[in-house]
Amino acid sequence: MTFEQFESWAMYLCGGGLIIFMFFIVWDLAKKSKAGKFGTFILFGVLGFAIMVFVIKEVFVHLLG
């Protein structure tokens, strides 16, 4: 395994771990603040948008690279 392959795998694994951790943080925040269904939906919507932007960026990098 080359260093570039290791960096690529580490980025995807650590990025995925960060996304899962952010999911837990947002869920805990919504629960503790008693955000309700709509507030929880908005919080997870923003998190989903951030994840979607990350995925779109990776698709563009692979298409252009």
PDB file of N, CA and C in Angstrom:
ATOM      1  N   MET A   1       0.848  -1.174   0.000  1.00  0.00           N
ATOM      2  CA  MET A   1       0.000   0.000   0.000  1.00  0.00           C
ATOM      3  C   MET A   1       0.895   1.240   0.000  1.00  0.00           C
ATOM      4  N   THR A   2       0.614   2.126  -0.940  1.00  0.00           N
ATOM      5  CA  THR A   2       1.402   3.351  -1.018  1.00  0.00           C
ATOM      6  C   THR A   2       0.849   4.380  -0.032  1.00  0.00           C
ATOM      7  N   PHE A   3       1.642   5.418   0.167  1.00  0.00           N
ATOM      8  CA  PHE A   3       1.228   6.480   1.084  1.00  0.00           C
ATOM      9  C   PHE A   3      -0.028   7.181   0.581  1.00  0.00           C
ATOM     10  N   GLU A   4      -0.149   7.365  -0.739  1.00  0.00           N
ATOM     11  CA  GLU A   4      -1.324   8.014  -1.312  1.00  0.00           C
ATOM     12  C   GLU A   4      -2.584   7.172  -1.080  1.00  0.00           C
ATOM     13  N   GLN A   5      -2.458   5.855  -1.216  1.00  0.00           N
ATOM     14  CA  GLN A   5      -3.599   4.980  -0.965  1.00  0.00           C
ATOM     15  C   GLN A   5      -3.993   5.041   0.513  1.00  0.00           C
ATOM     16  N   PHE A   6      -2.993   5.038   1.386  1.00  0.00           N
ATOM     17  CA  PHE A   6      -3.271   5.145   2.817  1.00  0.00           C
ATOM     18  C   PHE A   6      -3.985   6.450   3.142  1.00  0.00           C
ATOM     19  N   GLU A   7      -3.516   7.545   2.561  1.00  0.00           N
ATOM     20  CA  GLU A   7      -4.156   8.844   2.795  1.00  0.00           C
ATOM     21  C   GLU A   7      -5.602   8.836   2.316  1.00  0.00           C
ATOM     22  N   SER A   8      -5.843   8.233   1.166  1.00  0.00           N
ATOM     23  CA  SER A   8      -7.192   8.175   0.622  1.00  0.00           C
ATOM     24  C   SER A   8      -8.109   7.368   1.529  1.00  0.00           C
ATOM     25  N   TRP A   9      -7.667   6.189   1.946  1.00  0.00           N
ATOM     26  CA  TRP A   9      -8.479   5.349   2.839  1.00  0.00           C
ATOM     27  C   TRP A   9      -8.693   6.036   4.195  1.00  0.00           C
ATOM     28  N   ALA A  10      -7.644   6.647   4.714  1.00  0.00           N
ATOM     29  CA  ALA A  10      -7.749   7.309   6.016  1.00  0.00           C
ATOM     30  C   ALA A  10      -8.728   8.477   5.943  1.00  0.00           C
ATOM     31  N   MET A  11      -8.725   9.201   4.829  1.00  0.00           N
ATOM     32  CA  MET A  11      -9.635  10.329   4.682  1.00  0.00           C
ATOM     33  C   MET A  11     -11.079   9.845   4.671  1.00  0.00           C
ATOM     34  N   TYR A  12     -11.357   8.778   3.945  1.00  0.00           N
ATOM     35  CA  TYR A  12     -12.725   8.264   3.896  1.00  0.00           C
ATOM     36  C   TYR A  12     -13.151   7.677   5.240  1.00  0.00           C
ATOM     37  N   LEU A  13     -12.279   6.934   5.890  1.00  0.00           N
ATOM     38  CA  LEU A  13     -12.629   6.344   7.185  1.00  0.00           C
ATOM     39  C   LEU A  13     -12.805   7.408   8.263  1.00  0.00           C
ATOM     40  N   CYS A  14     -11.870   8.345   8.327  1.00  0.00           N
ATOM     41  CA  CYS A  14     -11.975   9.401   9.343  1.00  0.00           C
ATOM     42  C   CYS A  14     -13.129  10.350   9.029  1.00  0.00           C
ATOM     43  N   GLY A  15     -13.355  10.614   7.746  1.00  0.00           N
ATOM     44  CA  GLY A  15     -14.497  11.451   7.365  1.00  0.00           C
ATOM     45  C   GLY A  15     -15.808  10.785   7.724  1.00  0.00           C
ATOM     46  N   GLY A  16     -15.902   9.488   7.468  1.00  0.00           N
ATOM     47  CA  GLY A  16     -17.104   8.741   7.848  1.00  0.00           C
ATOM     48  C   GLY A  16     -17.300   8.716   9.349  1.00  0.00           C
ATOM     49  N   GLY A  17     -16.211   8.523  10.079  1.00  0.00           N
ATOM     50  CA  GLY A  17     -16.289   8.543  11.538  1.00  0.00           C
ATOM     51  C   GLY A  17     -16.722   9.903  12.056  1.00  0.00           C
ATOM     52  N   LEU A  18     -16.232  10.949  11.432  1.00  0.00           N
ATOM     53  CA  LEU A  18     -16.621  12.302  11.830  1.00  0.00           C
ATOM     54  C   LEU A  18     -18.098  12.544  11.560  1.00  0.00           C
ATOM     55  N   ILE A  19     -18.594  12.054  10.434  1.00  0.00           N
ATOM     56  CA  ILE A  19     -20.012  12.211  10.107  1.00  0.00           C
ATOM     57  C   ILE A  19     -20.877  11.484  11.124  1.00  0.00           C
ATOM     58  N   ILE A  20     -20.491  10.271  11.493  1.00  0.00           N
ATOM     59  CA  ILE A  20     -21.237   9.519  12.504  1.00  0.00           C
ATOM     60  C   ILE A  20     -21.197  10.242  13.851  1.00  0.00           C
ATOM     61  N   PHE A  21     -20.031  10.784  14.202  1.00  0.00           N
ATOM     62  CA  PHE A  21     -19.914  11.524  15.455  1.00  0.00           C
ATOM     63  C   PHE A  21     -20.777  12.786  15.429  1.00  0.00           C
ATOM     64  N   MET A  22     -20.807  13.492  14.295  1.00  0.00           N
ATOM     65  CA  MET A  22     -21.648  14.682  14.179  1.00  0.00           C
ATOM     66  C   MET A  22     -23.124  14.311  14.283  1.00  0.00           C
ATOM     67  N   PHE A  23     -23.508  13.150  13.729  1.00  0.00           N
ATOM     68  CA  PHE A  23     -24.884  12.669  13.861  1.00  0.00           C
ATOM     69  C   PHE A  23     -25.239  12.512  15.331  1.00  0.00           C
ATOM     70  N   PHE A  24     -24.356  11.895  16.104  1.00  0.00           N
ATOM     71  CA  PHE A  24     -24.601  11.715  17.533  1.00  0.00           C
ATOM     72  C   PHE A  24     -24.698  13.057  18.248  1.00  0.00           C
ATOM     73  N   ILE A  25     -23.828  13.999  17.923  1.00  0.00           N
ATOM     74  CA  ILE A  25     -23.839  15.311  18.566  1.00  0.00           C
ATOM     75  C   ILE A  25     -25.147  16.039  18.284  1.00  0.00           C
ATOM     76  N   VAL A  26     -25.597  16.024  17.034  1.00  0.00           N
ATOM     77  CA  VAL A  26     -26.840  16.709  16.675  1.00  0.00           C
ATOM     78  C   VAL A  26     -28.030  16.039  17.345  1.00  0.00           C
ATOM     79  N   TRP A  27     -28.049  14.706  17.379  1.00  0.00           N
ATOM     80  CA  TRP A  27     -29.135  13.982  18.038  1.00  0.00           C
ATOM     81  C   TRP A  27     -29.178  14.344  19.531  1.00  0.00           C
ATOM     82  N   ASP A  28     -28.017  14.361  20.173  1.00  0.00           N
ATOM     83  CA  ASP A  28     -27.947  14.707  21.587  1.00  0.00           C
ATOM     84  C   ASP A  28     -28.373  16.156  21.825  1.00  0.00           C
ATOM     85  N   LEU A  29     -27.951  17.055  20.942  1.00  0.00           N
ATOM     86  CA  LEU A  29     -28.340  18.462  21.049  1.00  0.00           C
ATOM     87  C   LEU A  29     -29.849  18.620  20.912  1.00  0.00           C
ATOM     88  N   ALA A  30     -30.441  17.934  19.950  1.00  0.00           N
ATOM     89  CA  ALA A  30     -31.882  18.024  19.751  1.00  0.00           C
ATOM     90  C   ALA A  30     -32.626  17.455  20.952  1.00  0.00           C
ATOM     91  N   LYS A  31     -32.106  16.379  21.518  1.00  0.00           N
ATOM     92  CA  LYS A  31     -32.762  15.749  22.660  1.00  0.00           C
ATOM     93  C   LYS A  31     -32.679  16.636  23.905  1.00  0.00           C
ATOM     94  N   LYS A  32     -31.486  17.178  24.184  1.00  0.00           N
ATOM     95  CA  LYS A  32     -31.306  17.988  25.384  1.00  0.00           C
ATOM     96  C   LYS A  32     -32.009  19.337  25.297  1.00  0.00           C
ATOM     97  N   SER A  33     -32.113  19.893  24.086  1.00  0.00           N
ATOM     98  CA  SER A  33     -32.755  21.205  23.945  1.00  0.00           C
ATOM     99  C   SER A  33     -34.256  21.088  23.737  1.00  0.00           C
ATOM    100  N   LYS A  34     -34.752  19.854  23.680  1.00  0.00           N
ATOM    101  CA  LYS A  34     -36.186  19.605  23.468  1.00  0.00           C
ATOM    102  C   LYS A  34     -36.668  20.343  22.225  1.00  0.00           C
ATOM    103  N   ALA A  35     -35.958  20.109  21.112  1.00  0.00           N
ATOM    104  CA  ALA A  35     -36.221  20.832  19.870  1.00  0.00           C
ATOM    105  C   ALA A  35     -37.541  20.442  19.221  1.00  0.00           C
ATOM    106  N   GLY A  36     -38.079  19.302  19.542  1.00  0.00           N
ATOM    107  CA  GLY A  36     -39.309  18.858  18.911  1.00  0.00           C
ATOM    108  C   GLY A  36     -39.019  18.234  17.553  1.00  0.00           C
ATOM    109  N   LYS A  37     -40.075  17.810  16.889  1.00  0.00           N
ATOM    110  CA  LYS A  37     -39.890  17.123  15.602  1.00  0.00           C
ATOM    111  C   LYS A  37     -39.375  18.062  14.524  1.00  0.00           C
ATOM    112  N   PHE A  38     -39.959  19.252  14.447  1.00  0.00           N
ATOM    113  CA  PHE A  38     -39.533  20.190  13.405  1.00  0.00           C
ATOM    114  C   PHE A  38     -38.109  20.678  13.635  1.00  0.00           C
ATOM    115  N   GLY A  39     -37.769  21.011  14.865  1.00  0.00           N
ATOM    116  CA  GLY A  39     -36.406  21.464  15.170  1.00  0.00           C
ATOM    117  C   GLY A  39     -35.374  20.385  14.910  1.00  0.00           C
ATOM    118  N   THR A  40     -35.718  19.146  15.265  1.00  0.00           N
ATOM    119  CA  THR A  40     -34.811  18.030  14.998  1.00  0.00           C
ATOM    120  C   THR A  40     -34.656  17.837  13.496  1.00  0.00           C
ATOM    121  N   PHE A  41     -35.759  17.972  12.752  1.00  0.00           N
ATOM    122  CA  PHE A  41     -35.702  17.864  11.295  1.00  0.00           C
ATOM    123  C   PHE A  41     -34.778  18.923  10.701  1.00  0.00           C
ATOM    124  N   ILE A  42     -34.870  20.149  11.187  1.00  0.00           N
ATOM    125  CA  ILE A  42     -34.017  21.237  10.693  1.00  0.00           C
ATOM    126  C   ILE A  42     -32.553  20.948  11.027  1.00  0.00           C
ATOM    127  N   LEU A  43     -32.286  20.516  12.250  1.00  0.00           N
ATOM    128  CA  LEU A  43     -30.901  20.222  12.640  1.00  0.00           C
ATOM    129  C   LEU A  43     -30.303  19.129  11.754  1.00  0.00           C
ATOM    130  N   PHE A  44     -31.051  18.051  11.557  1.00  0.00           N
ATOM    131  CA  PHE A  44     -30.539  16.969  10.719  1.00  0.00           C
ATOM    132  C   PHE A  44     -30.517  17.357   9.247  1.00  0.00           C
ATOM    133  N   GLY A  45     -31.389  18.273   8.845  1.00  0.00           N
ATOM    134  CA  GLY A  45     -31.358  18.772   7.468  1.00  0.00           C
ATOM    135  C   GLY A  45     -30.068  19.510   7.169  1.00  0.00           C
ATOM    136  N   VAL A  46     -29.640  20.330   8.110  1.00  0.00           N
ATOM    137  CA  VAL A  46     -28.376  21.056   7.942  1.00  0.00           C
ATOM    138  C   VAL A  46     -27.206  20.072   7.923  1.00  0.00           C
ATOM    139  N   LEU A  47     -27.236  19.078   8.826  1.00  0.00           N
ATOM    140  CA  LEU A  47     -26.177  18.063   8.828  1.00  0.00           C
ATOM    141  C   LEU A  47     -26.188  17.278   7.520  1.00  0.00           C
ATOM    142  N   GLY A  48     -27.375  16.922   7.035  1.00  0.00           N
ATOM    143  CA  GLY A  48     -27.473  16.197   5.767  1.00  0.00           C
ATOM    144  C   GLY A  48     -26.949  17.024   4.608  1.00  0.00           C
ATOM    145  N   PHE A  49     -27.213  18.333   4.631  1.00  0.00           N
ATOM    146  CA  PHE A  49     -26.697  19.211   3.576  1.00  0.00           C
ATOM    147  C   PHE A  49     -25.174  19.232   3.591  1.00  0.00           C
ATOM    148  N   ALA A  50     -24.579  19.277   4.780  1.00  0.00           N
ATOM    149  CA  ALA A  50     -23.117  19.280   4.882  1.00  0.00           C
ATOM    150  C   ALA A  50     -22.538  17.979   4.341  1.00  0.00           C
ATOM    151  N   ILE A  51     -23.182  16.858   4.643  1.00  0.00           N
ATOM    152  CA  ILE A  51     -22.716  15.570   4.134  1.00  0.00           C
ATOM    153  C   ILE A  51     -22.875  15.512   2.616  1.00  0.00           C
ATOM    154  N   MET A  52     -24.001  16.038   2.115  1.00  0.00           N
ATOM    155  CA  MET A  52     -24.241  16.038   0.681  1.00  0.00           C
ATOM    156  C   MET A  52     -23.185  16.867  -0.053  1.00  0.00           C
ATOM    157  N   VAL A  53     -22.801  17.998   0.502  1.00  0.00           N
ATOM    158  CA  VAL A  53     -21.761  18.828  -0.111  1.00  0.00           C
ATOM    159  C   VAL A  53     -20.435  18.073  -0.149  1.00  0.00           C
ATOM    160  N   PHE A  54     -20.108  17.342   0.912  1.00  0.00           N
ATOM    161  CA  PHE A  54     -18.876  16.548   0.935  1.00  0.00           C
ATOM    162  C   PHE A  54     -18.902  15.494  -0.161  1.00  0.00           C
ATOM    163  N   VAL A  55     -20.017  14.808  -0.328  1.00  0.00           N
ATOM    164  CA  VAL A  55     -20.129  13.764  -1.356  1.00  0.00           C
ATOM    165  C   VAL A  55     -20.049  14.380  -2.752  1.00  0.00           C
ATOM    166  N   ILE A  56     -20.736  15.496  -2.972  1.00  0.00           N
ATOM    167  CA  ILE A  56     -20.698  16.153  -4.283  1.00  0.00           C
ATOM    168  C   ILE A  56     -19.280  16.607  -4.612  1.00  0.00           C
ATOM    169  N   LYS A  57     -18.561  17.107  -3.618  1.00  0.00           N
ATOM    170  CA  LYS A  57     -17.176  17.522  -3.843  1.00  0.00           C
ATOM    171  C   LYS A  57     -16.322  16.344  -4.288  1.00  0.00           C
ATOM    172  N   GLU A  58     -16.496  15.203  -3.646  1.00  0.00           N
ATOM    173  CA  GLU A  58     -15.728  14.015  -4.026  1.00  0.00           C
ATOM    174  C   GLU A  58     -16.074  13.539  -5.422  1.00  0.00           C
ATOM    175  N   VAL A  59     -17.346  13.630  -5.803  1.00  0.00           N
ATOM    176  CA  VAL A  59     -17.746  13.236  -7.154  1.00  0.00           C
ATOM    177  C   VAL A  59     -17.091  14.151  -8.178  1.00  0.00           C
ATOM    178  N   PHE A  60     -17.094  15.454  -7.942  1.00  0.00           N
ATOM    179  CA  PHE A  60     -16.459  16.383  -8.853  1.00  0.00           C
ATOM    180  C   PHE A  60     -14.955  16.160  -8.936  1.00  0.00           C
ATOM    181  N   VAL A  61     -14.326  15.854  -7.830  1.00  0.00           N
ATOM    182  CA  VAL A  61     -12.877  15.611  -7.839  1.00  0.00           C
ATOM    183  C   VAL A  61     -12.572  14.395  -8.715  1.00  0.00           C
ATOM    184  N   HIS A  62     -13.375  13.334  -8.607  1.00  0.00           N
ATOM    185  CA  HIS A  62     -13.146  12.136  -9.414  1.00  0.00           C
ATOM    186  C   HIS A  62     -13.472  12.370 -10.885  1.00  0.00           C
ATOM    187  N   LEU A  63     -14.494  13.177 -11.168  1.00  0.00           N
ATOM    188  CA  LEU A  63     -14.851  13.455 -12.554  1.00  0.00           C
ATOM    189  C   LEU A  63     -13.820  14.348 -13.248  1.00  0.00           C
ATOM    190  N   LEU A  64     -13.293  15.323 -12.523  1.00  0.00           N
ATOM    191  CA  LEU A  64     -12.347  16.259 -13.112  1.00  0.00           C
ATOM    192  C   LEU A  64     -10.897  15.791 -13.045  1.00  0.00           C
ATOM    193  N   GLY A  65     -10.631  14.829 -12.168  1.00  0.00           N
ATOM    194  CA  GLY A  65      -9.250  14.397 -11.952  1.00  0.00           C
ATOM    195  C   GLY A  65      -8.828  13.278 -12.756  1.00  0.00           C
TER     196      GLY A  65
END
